[in-house]
Amino acid sequence: MKFLFSANPISGVADKEPFLDAAAKYCKELTLDHGIFRTTGDEDREQLKEVIQSYKPDRVAAVGGDGTVLFTAIALLESGIPMGIIPLG
């Protein structure tokens, strides 16, 4: 199983890095393949779509608020990949 976390590190008031660090550590402990996509404000939608196409995750989790959830959902349209939501907006 391959997981991809999609996060905007500067959105909202919650610091996402502690969660992302803990998620990465947990995935490593369980020997789950995982990746983290952090937005940069530079062609994020296209970059996330490219990451999804090349990495081919089985599941994607949006880590953040409504903007991150919408951004991730749009990138996943027609992919058939399930999306989870980790509310840290």
N, C-alpha and C. Protein backbone atom coordinates (compact mmCIF):
# COMPACT_ATOMS: atom_id res chain seq x y z
N MET A 1 0.85 -1.18 0.00
CA MET A 1 0.00 0.00 0.00
C MET A 1 0.89 1.24 0.00
N LYS A 2 0.58 2.16 -0.88
CA LYS A 2 1.33 3.40 -0.99
C LYS A 2 0.43 4.58 -0.61
N PHE A 3 0.93 5.41 0.30
CA PHE A 3 0.21 6.59 0.76
C PHE A 3 0.91 7.85 0.30
N LEU A 4 0.11 8.87 0.01
CA LEU A 4 0.65 10.19 -0.29
C LEU A 4 -0.08 11.20 0.57
N PHE A 5 0.67 12.01 1.28
CA PHE A 5 0.10 13.09 2.08
C PHE A 5 0.28 14.38 1.30
N SER A 6 -0.79 15.17 1.17
CA SER A 6 -0.76 16.45 0.47
C SER A 6 -1.01 17.55 1.49
N ALA A 7 -0.07 18.47 1.61
CA ALA A 7 -0.19 19.50 2.64
C ALA A 7 0.29 20.85 2.14
N ASN A 8 -0.40 21.89 2.62
CA ASN A 8 0.06 23.26 2.41
C ASN A 8 0.64 23.71 3.75
N PRO A 9 1.96 23.73 3.86
CA PRO A 9 2.58 23.98 5.16
C PRO A 9 2.35 25.37 5.74
N ILE A 10 1.93 26.34 4.92
CA ILE A 10 1.78 27.70 5.46
C ILE A 10 0.32 28.14 5.58
N SER A 11 -0.62 27.25 5.27
CA SER A 11 -2.02 27.65 5.37
C SER A 11 -2.53 27.49 6.80
N GLY A 12 -3.52 28.28 7.14
CA GLY A 12 -4.15 28.15 8.45
C GLY A 12 -3.22 28.48 9.60
N VAL A 13 -3.65 28.11 10.79
CA VAL A 13 -2.87 28.42 11.99
C VAL A 13 -2.14 27.21 12.54
N ALA A 14 -2.54 26.01 12.12
CA ALA A 14 -1.93 24.80 12.65
C ALA A 14 -0.63 24.48 11.91
N ASP A 15 0.39 24.14 12.67
CA ASP A 15 1.66 23.70 12.10
C ASP A 15 1.51 22.24 11.69
N LYS A 16 1.65 21.96 10.41
CA LYS A 16 1.45 20.61 9.90
C LYS A 16 2.67 19.71 10.06
N GLU A 17 3.83 20.30 10.24
CA GLU A 17 5.07 19.51 10.29
C GLU A 17 5.08 18.45 11.40
N PRO A 18 4.61 18.75 12.63
CA PRO A 18 4.61 17.68 13.63
C PRO A 18 3.76 16.47 13.20
N PHE A 19 2.61 16.74 12.57
CA PHE A 19 1.79 15.63 12.09
C PHE A 19 2.51 14.88 10.98
N LEU A 20 3.07 15.62 10.00
CA LEU A 20 3.74 14.97 8.87
C LEU A 20 4.94 14.15 9.34
N ASP A 21 5.68 14.67 10.31
CA ASP A 21 6.81 13.92 10.87
C ASP A 21 6.33 12.63 11.55
N ALA A 22 5.26 12.74 12.34
CA ALA A 22 4.72 11.57 13.03
C ALA A 22 4.15 10.56 12.04
N ALA A 23 3.47 11.04 11.00
CA ALA A 23 2.91 10.15 9.99
C ALA A 23 4.02 9.40 9.26
N ALA A 24 5.09 10.11 8.89
CA ALA A 24 6.22 9.47 8.21
C ALA A 24 6.85 8.42 9.10
N LYS A 25 7.03 8.74 10.38
CA LYS A 25 7.63 7.79 11.32
C LYS A 25 6.74 6.56 11.46
N TYR A 26 5.44 6.77 11.58
CA TYR A 26 4.50 5.66 11.72
C TYR A 26 4.51 4.78 10.48
N CYS A 27 4.50 5.39 9.30
CA CYS A 27 4.54 4.62 8.06
C CYS A 27 5.82 3.80 7.97
N LYS A 28 6.95 4.38 8.39
CA LYS A 28 8.21 3.64 8.37
C LYS A 28 8.17 2.46 9.32
N GLU A 29 7.61 2.67 10.50
CA GLU A 29 7.50 1.58 11.48
C GLU A 29 6.67 0.42 10.93
N LEU A 30 5.65 0.75 10.17
CA LEU A 30 4.78 -0.27 9.59
C LEU A 30 5.24 -0.73 8.21
N THR A 31 6.39 -0.24 7.79
CA THR A 31 6.96 -0.50 6.46
C THR A 31 5.97 -0.20 5.34
N LEU A 32 5.27 0.91 5.48
CA LEU A 32 4.35 1.37 4.44
C LEU A 32 5.05 2.40 3.58
N ASP A 33 4.95 2.24 2.28
CA ASP A 33 5.52 3.19 1.34
C ASP A 33 4.70 4.48 1.44
N HIS A 34 5.38 5.60 1.54
CA HIS A 34 4.66 6.87 1.68
C HIS A 34 5.47 8.01 1.07
N GLY A 35 4.75 9.06 0.75
CA GLY A 35 5.37 10.27 0.25
C GLY A 35 4.63 11.48 0.79
N ILE A 36 5.28 12.61 0.77
CA ILE A 36 4.66 13.86 1.24
C ILE A 36 4.83 14.91 0.16
N PHE A 37 3.71 15.50 -0.26
CA PHE A 37 3.74 16.60 -1.21
C PHE A 37 3.42 17.87 -0.44
N ARG A 38 4.35 18.82 -0.45
CA ARG A 38 4.14 20.12 0.19
C ARG A 38 3.98 21.18 -0.91
N THR A 39 2.93 21.96 -0.81
CA THR A 39 2.73 23.01 -1.79
C THR A 39 3.80 24.08 -1.61
N THR A 40 4.07 24.79 -2.72
CA THR A 40 5.07 25.85 -2.68
C THR A 40 4.51 27.17 -3.22
N GLY A 41 3.31 27.09 -3.83
CA GLY A 41 2.73 28.28 -4.44
C GLY A 41 3.14 28.44 -5.90
N ASP A 42 3.88 27.48 -6.43
CA ASP A 42 4.36 27.55 -7.81
C ASP A 42 3.86 26.34 -8.59
N GLU A 43 2.79 26.52 -9.35
CA GLU A 43 2.21 25.45 -10.17
C GLU A 43 1.90 24.20 -9.35
N ASP A 44 1.35 24.38 -8.16
CA ASP A 44 1.08 23.26 -7.26
C ASP A 44 0.15 22.22 -7.85
N ARG A 45 -0.92 22.66 -8.48
CA ARG A 45 -1.90 21.70 -9.00
C ARG A 45 -1.25 20.78 -10.03
N GLU A 46 -0.49 21.35 -10.95
CA GLU A 46 0.17 20.55 -11.97
C GLU A 46 1.21 19.62 -11.34
N GLN A 47 1.94 20.14 -10.36
CA GLN A 47 2.96 19.33 -9.71
C GLN A 47 2.34 18.16 -8.94
N LEU A 48 1.24 18.41 -8.24
CA LEU A 48 0.59 17.33 -7.51
C LEU A 48 0.07 16.28 -8.48
N LYS A 49 -0.53 16.69 -9.57
CA LYS A 49 -1.00 15.72 -10.57
C LYS A 49 0.16 14.87 -11.10
N GLU A 50 1.30 15.50 -11.35
CA GLU A 50 2.48 14.76 -11.81
C GLU A 50 2.97 13.77 -10.77
N VAL A 51 2.97 14.20 -9.50
CA VAL A 51 3.39 13.30 -8.42
C VAL A 51 2.44 12.11 -8.34
N ILE A 52 1.15 12.37 -8.43
CA ILE A 52 0.16 11.29 -8.37
C ILE A 52 0.37 10.32 -9.54
N GLN A 53 0.60 10.84 -10.72
CA GLN A 53 0.79 9.98 -11.89
C GLN A 53 2.08 9.16 -11.81
N SER A 54 3.14 9.76 -11.30
CA SER A 54 4.41 9.04 -11.25
C SER A 54 4.53 8.13 -10.02
N TYR A 55 4.04 8.58 -8.87
CA TYR A 55 4.15 7.81 -7.63
C TYR A 55 3.10 6.71 -7.55
N LYS A 56 1.93 6.95 -8.14
CA LYS A 56 0.83 6.00 -8.17
C LYS A 56 0.42 5.52 -6.77
N PRO A 57 0.02 6.46 -5.91
CA PRO A 57 -0.40 6.06 -4.56
C PRO A 57 -1.73 5.31 -4.58
N ASP A 58 -1.92 4.47 -3.58
CA ASP A 58 -3.20 3.78 -3.41
C ASP A 58 -4.20 4.65 -2.67
N ARG A 59 -3.70 5.56 -1.84
CA ARG A 59 -4.53 6.46 -1.06
C ARG A 59 -3.81 7.80 -0.95
N VAL A 60 -4.59 8.88 -0.89
CA VAL A 60 -4.03 10.22 -0.70
C VAL A 60 -4.77 10.86 0.46
N ALA A 61 -4.04 11.51 1.35
CA ALA A 61 -4.64 12.23 2.46
C ALA A 61 -4.33 13.71 2.33
N ALA A 62 -5.37 14.53 2.37
CA ALA A 62 -5.22 15.98 2.39
C ALA A 62 -5.03 16.40 3.84
N VAL A 63 -3.92 17.07 4.12
CA VAL A 63 -3.60 17.49 5.48
C VAL A 63 -3.72 19.00 5.53
N GLY A 64 -4.82 19.49 6.11
CA GLY A 64 -5.03 20.93 6.19
C GLY A 64 -6.48 21.29 6.31
N GLY A 65 -6.82 22.43 5.71
CA GLY A 65 -8.18 22.93 5.78
C GLY A 65 -8.93 22.76 4.47
N ASP A 66 -9.99 23.54 4.33
CA ASP A 66 -10.85 23.37 3.16
C ASP A 66 -10.12 23.65 1.85
N GLY A 67 -9.20 24.57 1.83
CA GLY A 67 -8.46 24.86 0.60
C GLY A 67 -7.58 23.69 0.18
N THR A 68 -6.90 23.08 1.14
CA THR A 68 -6.05 21.93 0.84
C THR A 68 -6.89 20.74 0.41
N VAL A 69 -8.02 20.55 1.06
CA VAL A 69 -8.92 19.45 0.69
C VAL A 69 -9.42 19.64 -0.74
N LEU A 70 -9.87 20.84 -1.07
CA LEU A 70 -10.37 21.11 -2.42
C LEU A 70 -9.26 20.95 -3.45
N PHE A 71 -8.09 21.51 -3.17
CA PHE A 71 -6.95 21.41 -4.07
C PHE A 71 -6.60 19.95 -4.35
N THR A 72 -6.55 19.14 -3.31
CA THR A 72 -6.20 17.73 -3.46
C THR A 72 -7.29 16.97 -4.20
N ALA A 73 -8.55 17.26 -3.86
CA ALA A 73 -9.67 16.58 -4.53
C ALA A 73 -9.67 16.87 -6.03
N ILE A 74 -9.41 18.11 -6.40
CA ILE A 74 -9.37 18.47 -7.83
C ILE A 74 -8.24 17.71 -8.53
N ALA A 75 -7.09 17.60 -7.88
CA ALA A 75 -5.97 16.87 -8.48
C ALA A 75 -6.28 15.39 -8.65
N LEU A 76 -7.16 14.86 -7.81
CA LEU A 76 -7.50 13.44 -7.86
C LEU A 76 -8.69 13.12 -8.76
N LEU A 77 -9.36 14.15 -9.27
CA LEU A 77 -10.53 13.90 -10.11
C LEU A 77 -10.21 12.88 -11.20
N GLU A 78 -11.12 11.94 -11.36
CA GLU A 78 -11.05 10.90 -12.39
C GLU A 78 -9.87 9.94 -12.22
N SER A 79 -9.19 9.99 -11.09
CA SER A 79 -8.07 9.07 -10.86
C SER A 79 -8.53 7.75 -10.25
N GLY A 80 -9.68 7.79 -9.55
CA GLY A 80 -10.16 6.60 -8.86
C GLY A 80 -9.44 6.33 -7.54
N ILE A 81 -8.56 7.23 -7.13
CA ILE A 81 -7.81 7.07 -5.89
C ILE A 81 -8.60 7.65 -4.74
N PRO A 82 -8.85 6.87 -3.68
CA PRO A 82 -9.57 7.40 -2.52
C PRO A 82 -8.77 8.47 -1.79
N MET A 83 -9.50 9.44 -1.22
CA MET A 83 -8.85 10.54 -0.50
C MET A 83 -9.36 10.58 0.94
N GLY A 84 -8.43 10.72 1.86
CA GLY A 84 -8.77 10.93 3.26
C GLY A 84 -8.53 12.39 3.60
N ILE A 85 -9.11 12.80 4.71
CA ILE A 85 -8.97 14.19 5.16
C ILE A 85 -8.44 14.20 6.58
N ILE A 86 -7.34 14.91 6.79
CA ILE A 86 -6.77 15.11 8.12
C ILE A 86 -6.93 16.60 8.40
N PRO A 87 -7.93 16.96 9.22
CA PRO A 87 -8.27 18.38 9.42
C PRO A 87 -7.25 19.12 10.30
N LEU A 88 -6.39 19.86 9.64
CA LEU A 88 -5.39 20.69 10.35
C LEU A 88 -5.38 22.09 9.77
N GLY A 89 -6.55 22.63 9.44
CA GLY A 89 -6.62 23.95 8.82
C GLY A 89 -6.62 25.06 9.81
